[in-house]
Protein backbone atom coordinates (compact mmCIF):
# COMPACT_ATOMS: atom_id res chain seq x y z
CA MET A 1 0.00 0.00 0.00
CA LYS A 2 1.27 3.44 -0.89
CA GLU A 3 1.60 5.85 2.02
CA VAL A 4 2.19 9.58 2.27
CA THR A 5 2.92 11.77 5.27
CA PRO A 6 0.83 14.81 6.19
CA ASP A 7 3.74 17.03 5.10
CA GLU A 8 3.79 15.31 1.71
CA VAL A 9 0.05 15.92 1.38
CA VAL A 10 0.58 19.63 2.05
CA ALA A 11 3.25 19.68 -0.66
CA LEU A 12 0.94 17.87 -3.09
CA LEU A 13 -1.85 20.37 -2.45
CA MET A 14 0.50 23.33 -2.96
CA GLY A 15 2.24 21.84 -5.99
CA SER A 16 1.25 21.20 -9.56
CA THR A 17 0.25 17.57 -8.99
CA GLU A 18 -3.50 17.10 -9.17
CA VAL A 19 -4.64 15.09 -6.18
CA SER A 20 -7.99 14.55 -4.49
CA ILE A 21 -8.40 13.92 -0.79
CA ILE A 22 -11.07 11.61 0.59
CA ASP A 23 -11.85 11.84 4.31
CA VAL A 24 -13.36 8.53 5.48
CA ARG A 25 -14.12 9.62 9.05
CA GLU A 26 -17.65 9.70 10.43
CA SER A 27 -19.68 12.91 10.12
CA SER A 28 -19.31 13.73 13.82
CA GLU A 29 -15.51 13.62 13.44
CA VAL A 30 -15.53 15.81 10.33
CA GLU A 31 -17.64 18.44 12.15
CA ALA A 32 -14.57 19.17 14.30
CA GLY A 33 -12.69 20.19 11.16
CA LYS A 34 -11.40 18.73 7.91
CA ILE A 35 -8.84 19.51 5.26
CA PRO A 36 -10.60 22.18 3.14
CA GLU A 37 -10.06 20.36 -0.17
CA ALA A 38 -11.25 16.97 1.15
CA MET A 39 -14.32 15.13 -0.08
CA HIS A 40 -16.16 13.45 2.80
CA ILE A 41 -17.11 9.83 2.17
CA PRO A 42 -17.48 7.85 5.43
CA LEU A 43 -15.78 4.46 5.24
CA GLY A 44 -19.14 2.68 5.53
CA GLU A 45 -20.40 4.49 2.40
CA LEU A 46 -17.30 4.09 0.24
CA GLN A 47 -18.44 1.00 -1.65
CA THR A 48 -21.82 2.52 -2.53
CA ARG A 49 -20.28 5.85 -3.65
CA LEU A 50 -17.63 4.52 -6.03
CA ALA A 51 -19.44 6.16 -8.96
CA GLU A 52 -18.23 9.52 -7.59
CA LEU A 53 -14.59 8.50 -8.10
CA GLU A 54 -12.43 8.28 -11.23
CA LYS A 55 -9.78 5.61 -11.70
CA THR A 56 -7.51 8.17 -13.41
CA THR A 57 -7.45 10.48 -10.37
CA GLU A 58 -4.78 10.28 -7.67
CA TYR A 59 -6.41 10.01 -4.24
CA VAL A 60 -5.08 10.51 -0.73
CA ILE A 61 -7.26 8.79 1.85
CA ILE A 62 -7.41 10.17 5.39
CA CYS A 63 -9.04 9.36 8.71
CA ARG A 64 -8.34 10.14 12.35
CA SER A 65 -5.22 7.99 12.85
CA GLY A 66 -4.55 6.18 9.56
CA ASN A 67 -6.24 2.85 10.30
CA ARG A 68 -9.59 3.30 8.54
CA SER A 69 -7.90 5.14 5.70
CA GLY A 70 -5.56 2.16 5.32
CA ILE A 71 -8.56 -0.13 4.91
CA ALA A 72 -10.12 2.26 2.38
CA THR A 73 -6.82 2.59 0.49
CA GLN A 74 -6.42 -1.17 0.18
CA PHE A 75 -10.03 -1.50 -0.97
CA LEU A 76 -9.67 1.19 -3.62
CA ASN A 77 -6.33 -0.14 -4.83
CA SER A 78 -7.83 -3.62 -5.19
CA LEU A 79 -10.40 -2.12 -7.58
CA GLY A 80 -7.76 -0.34 -9.67
CA TYR A 81 -7.92 3.14 -8.13
CA ASN A 82 -4.72 5.13 -7.50
CA ALA A 83 -4.96 5.70 -3.74
CA SER A 84 -2.43 6.42 -0.98
CA ASN A 85 -2.95 6.32 2.78
CA MET A 86 -2.01 9.42 4.81
CA VAL A 87 -0.11 7.90 7.73
CA GLY A 88 -0.85 9.34 11.15
CA GLY A 89 -4.18 10.70 9.95
CA MET A 90 -5.68 13.92 11.21
CA LEU A 91 -3.88 13.44 14.52
CA GLU A 92 -0.69 14.40 12.65
CA TRP A 93 -2.19 17.05 10.35
CA LYS A 94 -0.74 20.51 10.94
CA GLY A 95 -2.30 22.25 7.93
CA THR A 96 -5.42 24.34 7.74
CA LEU A 97 -8.87 23.04 8.65
CA SER A 98 -12.37 24.00 7.63
CA LYS A 99 -15.70 23.13 9.18
């Protein structure tokens, strides 16, 4: 499984690489703040919302600590999506947040 650090995600967002972020935390967790560019798809809804994703897009998957996002990353990769897990999750995120 491909992994990226929170600092690498910041660099990706500020750079020329086009990347999409998927936050797989529950709604109550996202209410406390999320990465502004992130799309919220709770882990339990990921399978039913695959039509919203493109296999040609590079995705970074995030959660609170990196465990659920690891599960989501493995699932997406098994279906042919280009996904990386942000290790450490939002616990390690030092960038901006939106509500």
